[in-house]
Structures are given as structure tokens and as C-alpha cells.
Amino acid sequence: MGVEALRAAFDASFAAPYTERPAPERRLLHVRSGERAFFLDVAELAGIHACPELGVVPSRRETLLGIAAHRGKLLCVLRLPAALGGRAGLEPPRWIAICRARPGAAIALDELLASRGVGKSDVGSLGN
């Protein structure tokens, strides 16, 4: 393609009407926790933070990883894979995701993989 053809294509791109892409209806965070990857709805999170030091709490529940202090409040930190039938990682988690509906609960995450916008029809729920 010559210089004149490139110039013509460039000019033509400004002559065409601008078409807006529809904004994604939902923003999802792709995360890894233990051996599995999950998508979390960003609207259901109050925040993502580096995992603070965890206090061990004796419990029969495999889902309870421990408690942590965050901004002067206690958080119950849960293992997502254990709640969904998977295995937790061997390393301590690097991140916590604080739940918007239950600000005293957080999910331990090993890795933040990606963030993406999707349409509402592209998302299914596991329930409440």
C-alpha cells in the first residue's frame, strides 16, 4: 500500500460516522484461587486488597481460612475453592476480595488474571 492510499484510508476513517460500542452491562474479574479459576462480578465486591496478615481461627469448616484486620474492622476470610468443592492452594493467598453484601466477609485469592466486560445474557449465576 502506497503513501497516497494510506493517506486516503486515514482521511476516510474520519469521514465515516462514529459508531459507539455499547458499554458492557457487567464487569467481571477473572481470578485464580487454589487450582481453579473463577469470575467474580465486580458490582458484588466492595474492594480488592493485598491480603493482610491472617489470624488462624480453630474451625471445623474448611472454608474458613482465618480472620484479618482491614481499616479497623475484622474480616472473616474464606477459601473459595473449599466452598465450591475444589482444593485450596499451598501458598498463602496474595489478595482478598471483600464482599459488598457482607462487608465482614472476604474471599482469599491467589492471582488476579484479567478484567472484562460482558453482556448480561453472557453471565449465569450459581445462586444467592
C-alpha atoms as a PDB file:
ATOM      1  CA  MET A   1       0.000   0.000   0.000  1.00  0.00           C
ATOM      2  CA  GLY A   2       1.464   3.346  -1.036  1.00  0.00           C
ATOM      3  CA  VAL A   3       1.578   6.617   0.886  1.00  0.00           C
ATOM      4  CA  GLU A   4      -1.352   8.079  -1.069  1.00  0.00           C
ATOM      5  CA  ALA A   5      -3.505   5.017  -0.366  1.00  0.00           C
ATOM      6  CA  LEU A   6      -2.654   5.189   3.354  1.00  0.00           C
ATOM      7  CA  ARG A   7      -3.478   8.899   3.427  1.00  0.00           C
ATOM      8  CA  ALA A   8      -6.813   8.289   1.665  1.00  0.00           C
ATOM      9  CA  ALA A   9      -7.718   5.463   4.078  1.00  0.00           C
ATOM     10  CA  PHE A  10      -6.776   7.650   7.067  1.00  0.00           C
ATOM     11  CA  ASP A  11      -8.888  10.573   5.814  1.00  0.00           C
ATOM     12  CA  ALA A  12     -11.809   8.260   5.002  1.00  0.00           C
ATOM     13  CA  SER A  13     -11.805   6.914   8.554  1.00  0.00           C
ATOM     14  CA  PHE A  14     -12.665  10.417   9.823  1.00  0.00           C
ATOM     15  CA  ALA A  15     -15.398  10.874   7.224  1.00  0.00           C
ATOM     16  CA  ALA A  16     -17.276   7.769   8.373  1.00  0.00           C
ATOM     17  CA  PRO A  17     -19.851   8.312  11.148  1.00  0.00           C
ATOM     18  CA  TYR A  18     -18.666   7.358  14.629  1.00  0.00           C
ATOM     19  CA  THR A  19     -20.381   4.287  15.998  1.00  0.00           C
ATOM     20  CA  GLU A  20     -20.262   3.798  19.737  1.00  0.00           C
ATOM     21  CA  ARG A  21     -19.826   0.349  21.093  1.00  0.00           C
ATOM     22  CA  PRO A  22     -22.406  -0.498  23.729  1.00  0.00           C
ATOM     23  CA  ALA A  23     -20.937  -0.369  27.213  1.00  0.00           C
ATOM     24  CA  PRO A  24     -20.624  -3.758  28.882  1.00  0.00           C
ATOM     25  CA  GLU A  25     -23.520  -4.483  31.195  1.00  0.00           C
ATOM     26  CA  ARG A  26     -21.324  -6.280  33.713  1.00  0.00           C
ATOM     27  CA  ARG A  27     -17.682  -6.084  34.658  1.00  0.00           C
ATOM     28  CA  LEU A  28     -16.123  -9.413  35.661  1.00  0.00           C
ATOM     29  CA  LEU A  29     -12.844 -10.090  37.396  1.00  0.00           C
ATOM     30  CA  HIS A  30     -11.102 -13.304  36.332  1.00  0.00           C
ATOM     31  CA  VAL A  31      -9.258 -14.741  39.343  1.00  0.00           C
ATOM     32  CA  ARG A  32      -7.478 -17.907  40.395  1.00  0.00           C
ATOM     33  CA  SER A  33      -7.921 -19.411  43.824  1.00  0.00           C
ATOM     34  CA  GLY A  34      -6.324 -22.754  44.514  1.00  0.00           C
ATOM     35  CA  GLU A  35      -6.388 -24.998  41.480  1.00  0.00           C
ATOM     36  CA  ARG A  36      -9.401 -23.335  39.824  1.00  0.00           C
ATOM     37  CA  ALA A  37     -10.175 -20.095  38.037  1.00  0.00           C
ATOM     38  CA  PHE A  38     -13.367 -18.129  38.687  1.00  0.00           C
ATOM     39  CA  PHE A  39     -15.145 -14.989  37.510  1.00  0.00           C
ATOM     40  CA  LEU A  40     -16.345 -12.534  40.161  1.00  0.00           C
ATOM     41  CA  ASP A  41     -18.886  -9.804  39.392  1.00  0.00           C
ATOM     42  CA  VAL A  42     -17.163  -6.506  40.243  1.00  0.00           C
ATOM     43  CA  ALA A  43     -20.539  -4.984  41.241  1.00  0.00           C
ATOM     44  CA  GLU A  44     -20.744  -7.537  44.067  1.00  0.00           C
ATOM     45  CA  LEU A  45     -17.346  -6.565  45.500  1.00  0.00           C
ATOM     46  CA  ALA A  46     -16.579  -3.755  47.936  1.00  0.00           C
ATOM     47  CA  GLY A  47     -12.884  -3.910  47.057  1.00  0.00           C
ATOM     48  CA  ILE A  48      -9.786  -5.918  46.198  1.00  0.00           C
ATOM     49  CA  HIS A  49      -6.804  -5.591  48.524  1.00  0.00           C
ATOM     50  CA  ALA A  50      -3.462  -7.215  49.192  1.00  0.00           C
ATOM     51  CA  CYS A  51      -4.015  -9.996  51.684  1.00  0.00           C
ATOM     52  CA  PRO A  52      -3.224  -8.765  55.194  1.00  0.00           C
ATOM     53  CA  GLU A  53      -1.722 -10.994  57.853  1.00  0.00           C
ATOM     54  CA  LEU A  54      -4.256 -13.663  58.754  1.00  0.00           C
ATOM     55  CA  GLY A  55      -5.080 -14.854  62.251  1.00  0.00           C
ATOM     56  CA  VAL A  56      -5.788 -18.567  62.476  1.00  0.00           C
ATOM     57  CA  VAL A  57      -9.169 -19.465  63.936  1.00  0.00           C
ATOM     58  CA  PRO A  58      -9.899 -23.034  65.046  1.00  0.00           C
ATOM     59  CA  SER A  59     -12.778 -24.268  62.937  1.00  0.00           C
ATOM     60  CA  ARG A  60     -14.185 -27.493  61.534  1.00  0.00           C
ATOM     61  CA  ARG A  61     -15.137 -25.657  58.359  1.00  0.00           C
ATOM     62  CA  GLU A  62     -12.562 -25.961  55.571  1.00  0.00           C
ATOM     63  CA  THR A  63     -13.907 -22.778  54.027  1.00  0.00           C
ATOM     64  CA  LEU A  64     -12.645 -20.578  56.876  1.00  0.00           C
ATOM     65  CA  LEU A  65      -9.052 -19.502  56.234  1.00  0.00           C
ATOM     66  CA  GLY A  66      -8.812 -17.065  59.154  1.00  0.00           C
ATOM     67  CA  ILE A  67      -9.553 -13.521  60.248  1.00  0.00           C
ATOM     68  CA  ALA A  68      -7.872 -10.303  59.180  1.00  0.00           C
ATOM     69  CA  ALA A  69      -7.989  -6.667  60.184  1.00  0.00           C
ATOM     70  CA  HIS A  70      -8.845  -4.206  57.430  1.00  0.00           C
ATOM     71  CA  ARG A  71      -9.352  -0.481  58.073  1.00  0.00           C
ATOM     72  CA  GLY A  72     -10.063  -1.086  61.734  1.00  0.00           C
ATOM     73  CA  LYS A  73     -12.608  -3.864  61.171  1.00  0.00           C
ATOM     74  CA  LEU A  74     -12.386  -7.641  61.344  1.00  0.00           C
ATOM     75  CA  LEU A  75     -12.888  -9.699  58.215  1.00  0.00           C
ATOM     76  CA  CYS A  76     -13.713 -13.372  58.023  1.00  0.00           C
ATOM     77  CA  VAL A  77     -11.502 -14.628  55.159  1.00  0.00           C
ATOM     78  CA  LEU A  78     -12.906 -17.607  53.265  1.00  0.00           C
ATOM     79  CA  ARG A  79     -11.417 -20.117  50.822  1.00  0.00           C
ATOM     80  CA  LEU A  80     -13.467 -20.051  47.638  1.00  0.00           C
ATOM     81  CA  PRO A  81     -12.329 -23.444  46.269  1.00  0.00           C
ATOM     82  CA  ALA A  82     -13.245 -25.217  49.518  1.00  0.00           C
ATOM     83  CA  ALA A  83     -16.752 -23.734  49.353  1.00  0.00           C
ATOM     84  CA  LEU A  84     -17.178 -24.993  45.778  1.00  0.00           C
ATOM     85  CA  GLY A  85     -15.630 -28.435  46.199  1.00  0.00           C
ATOM     86  CA  GLY A  86     -12.095 -27.711  44.938  1.00  0.00           C
ATOM     87  CA  ARG A  87      -8.685 -27.715  46.594  1.00  0.00           C
ATOM     88  CA  ALA A  88      -7.063 -24.623  48.050  1.00  0.00           C
ATOM     89  CA  GLY A  89      -3.553 -23.609  47.027  1.00  0.00           C
ATOM     90  CA  LEU A  90      -0.491 -24.465  49.098  1.00  0.00           C
ATOM     91  CA  GLU A  91       0.818 -20.892  49.175  1.00  0.00           C
ATOM     92  CA  PRO A  92      -0.791 -18.174  51.307  1.00  0.00           C
ATOM     93  CA  PRO A  93      -3.234 -16.042  49.297  1.00  0.00           C
ATOM     94  CA  ARG A  94      -1.978 -12.779  47.790  1.00  0.00           C
ATOM     95  CA  TRP A  95      -5.317 -10.948  47.553  1.00  0.00           C
ATOM     96  CA  ILE A  96      -8.670 -10.668  49.257  1.00  0.00           C
ATOM     97  CA  ALA A  97     -11.956  -9.633  47.661  1.00  0.00           C
ATOM     98  CA  ILE A  98     -14.340  -8.024  50.150  1.00  0.00           C
ATOM     99  CA  CYS A  99     -17.997  -8.882  49.563  1.00  0.00           C
ATOM    100  CA  ARG A 100     -20.338  -5.907  49.103  1.00  0.00           C
ATOM    101  CA  ALA A 101     -23.406  -7.679  50.553  1.00  0.00           C
ATOM    102  CA  ARG A 102     -21.431  -8.884  53.593  1.00  0.00           C
ATOM    103  CA  PRO A 103     -18.703  -6.344  54.368  1.00  0.00           C
ATOM    104  CA  GLY A 104     -17.368  -8.571  57.157  1.00  0.00           C
ATOM    105  CA  ALA A 105     -16.564 -11.369  54.688  1.00  0.00           C
ATOM    106  CA  ALA A 106     -13.732 -11.634  52.195  1.00  0.00           C
ATOM    107  CA  ILE A 107     -12.647 -14.269  49.690  1.00  0.00           C
ATOM    108  CA  ALA A 108      -8.975 -15.268  49.515  1.00  0.00           C
ATOM    109  CA  LEU A 109      -7.481 -15.144  46.009  1.00  0.00           C
ATOM    110  CA  ASP A 110      -4.134 -16.363  44.704  1.00  0.00           C
ATOM    111  CA  GLU A 111      -3.997 -14.432  41.453  1.00  0.00           C
ATOM    112  CA  LEU A 112      -5.829 -11.681  39.554  1.00  0.00           C
ATOM    113  CA  LEU A 113      -5.893 -12.792  35.913  1.00  0.00           C
ATOM    114  CA  ALA A 114      -7.973 -10.265  33.958  1.00  0.00           C
ATOM    115  CA  SER A 115     -10.910  -7.887  33.960  1.00  0.00           C
ATOM    116  CA  ARG A 116     -13.514  -7.959  31.205  1.00  0.00           C
ATOM    117  CA  GLY A 117     -16.869  -6.503  30.325  1.00  0.00           C
ATOM    118  CA  VAL A 118     -19.672  -8.809  29.214  1.00  0.00           C
ATOM    119  CA  GLY A 119     -23.336  -8.597  28.289  1.00  0.00           C
ATOM    120  CA  LYS A 120     -25.932  -9.610  30.854  1.00  0.00           C
ATOM    121  CA  SER A 121     -27.040 -12.601  28.770  1.00  0.00           C
ATOM    122  CA  ASP A 122     -23.474 -13.980  28.809  1.00  0.00           C
ATOM    123  CA  VAL A 123     -23.476 -14.488  32.594  1.00  0.00           C
ATOM    124  CA  GLY A 124     -25.117 -17.217  34.642  1.00  0.00           C
ATOM    125  CA  SER A 125     -25.395 -17.277  38.430  1.00  0.00           C
ATOM    126  CA  LEU A 126     -24.593 -20.023  40.900  1.00  0.00           C
ATOM    127  CA  GLY A 127     -27.350 -18.708  43.152  1.00  0.00           C
ATOM    128  CA  ASN A 128     -27.514 -16.420  46.162  1.00  0.00           C
END
